[in-house]
Amino acid sequence: MTKHKSEDYKLSAVKYFLENKDTKDNTCKIFKCSVRSLLRWTKRYKKEKRN
């Protein structure tokens, strides 16, 4: 069963990943998410930030 993460949770993971320049794998271990999800959230964050 998949667990849906809140938008705040996703934003926290993305900001941690970008601001700390941590590895994808380590960030995903900390936030208990898949690399695929983290990359999708990061892409969406960067796209929304540009607009």
C-alpha atoms as a PDB file:
ATOM      1  CA  MET A   1       0.000   0.000   0.000  1.00  0.00           C
ATOM      2  CA  THR A   2       1.402   3.387  -0.987  1.00  0.00           C
ATOM      3  CA  LYS A   3       1.443   6.229   1.475  1.00  0.00           C
ATOM      4  CA  HIS A   4       0.730   9.696   0.200  1.00  0.00           C
ATOM      5  CA  LYS A   5       3.003  12.414   1.492  1.00  0.00           C
ATOM      6  CA  SER A   6       1.761  15.916   2.288  1.00  0.00           C
ATOM      7  CA  GLU A   7       2.890  18.847   0.178  1.00  0.00           C
ATOM      8  CA  ASP A   8       4.787  20.242   3.181  1.00  0.00           C
ATOM      9  CA  TYR A   9       6.618  16.939   3.557  1.00  0.00           C
ATOM     10  CA  LYS A  10       7.583  16.911  -0.128  1.00  0.00           C
ATOM     11  CA  LEU A  11       8.749  20.517   0.046  1.00  0.00           C
ATOM     12  CA  SER A  12      10.868  19.746   3.116  1.00  0.00           C
ATOM     13  CA  ALA A  13      12.526  16.837   1.327  1.00  0.00           C
ATOM     14  CA  VAL A  14      13.225  18.901  -1.799  1.00  0.00           C
ATOM     15  CA  LYS A  15      14.623  21.855   0.143  1.00  0.00           C
ATOM     16  CA  TYR A  16      16.812  19.554   2.223  1.00  0.00           C
ATOM     17  CA  PHE A  17      18.106  17.875  -0.939  1.00  0.00           C
ATOM     18  CA  LEU A  18      18.871  21.147  -2.739  1.00  0.00           C
ATOM     19  CA  GLU A  19      20.151  23.240   0.163  1.00  0.00           C
ATOM     20  CA  ASN A  20      22.383  20.587   1.724  1.00  0.00           C
ATOM     21  CA  LYS A  21      23.628  19.207  -1.588  1.00  0.00           C
ATOM     22  CA  ASP A  22      23.104  15.748  -0.121  1.00  0.00           C
ATOM     23  CA  THR A  23      22.944  12.619  -2.257  1.00  0.00           C
ATOM     24  CA  LYS A  24      19.598  11.428  -3.591  1.00  0.00           C
ATOM     25  CA  ASP A  25      20.009   8.119  -1.802  1.00  0.00           C
ATOM     26  CA  ASN A  26      20.768   9.655   1.575  1.00  0.00           C
ATOM     27  CA  THR A  27      17.947  12.187   1.286  1.00  0.00           C
ATOM     28  CA  CYS A  28      15.540   9.376   0.445  1.00  0.00           C
ATOM     29  CA  LYS A  29      16.683   7.356   3.453  1.00  0.00           C
ATOM     30  CA  ILE A  30      16.079  10.340   5.722  1.00  0.00           C
ATOM     31  CA  PHE A  31      12.655  11.165   4.263  1.00  0.00           C
ATOM     32  CA  LYS A  32      11.643   7.556   3.545  1.00  0.00           C
ATOM     33  CA  CYS A  33      10.772   8.102  -0.099  1.00  0.00           C
ATOM     34  CA  SER A  34      11.897   6.687  -3.413  1.00  0.00           C
ATOM     35  CA  VAL A  35      14.520   8.372  -5.564  1.00  0.00           C
ATOM     36  CA  ARG A  36      11.964   8.552  -8.352  1.00  0.00           C
ATOM     37  CA  SER A  37       9.546  10.471  -6.117  1.00  0.00           C
ATOM     38  CA  LEU A  38      12.240  12.854  -4.916  1.00  0.00           C
ATOM     39  CA  LEU A  39      13.295  13.641  -8.477  1.00  0.00           C
ATOM     40  CA  ARG A  40       9.664  14.195  -9.519  1.00  0.00           C
ATOM     41  CA  TRP A  41       9.066  16.536  -6.566  1.00  0.00           C
ATOM     42  CA  THR A  42      12.309  18.405  -7.300  1.00  0.00           C
ATOM     43  CA  LYS A  43      11.395  18.871 -10.955  1.00  0.00           C
ATOM     44  CA  ARG A  44       7.957  20.220  -9.999  1.00  0.00           C
ATOM     45  CA  TYR A  45       9.490  22.536  -7.364  1.00  0.00           C
ATOM     46  CA  LYS A  46      11.974  24.009  -9.841  1.00  0.00           C
ATOM     47  CA  LYS A  47       9.246  24.465 -12.473  1.00  0.00           C
ATOM     48  CA  GLU A  48       6.917  26.245 -10.025  1.00  0.00           C
ATOM     49  CA  LYS A  49       9.767  28.397  -8.729  1.00  0.00           C
ATOM     50  CA  ARG A  50      10.409  29.734 -12.247  1.00  0.00           C
ATOM     51  CA  ASN A  51       6.786  30.863 -12.687  1.00  0.00           C
END
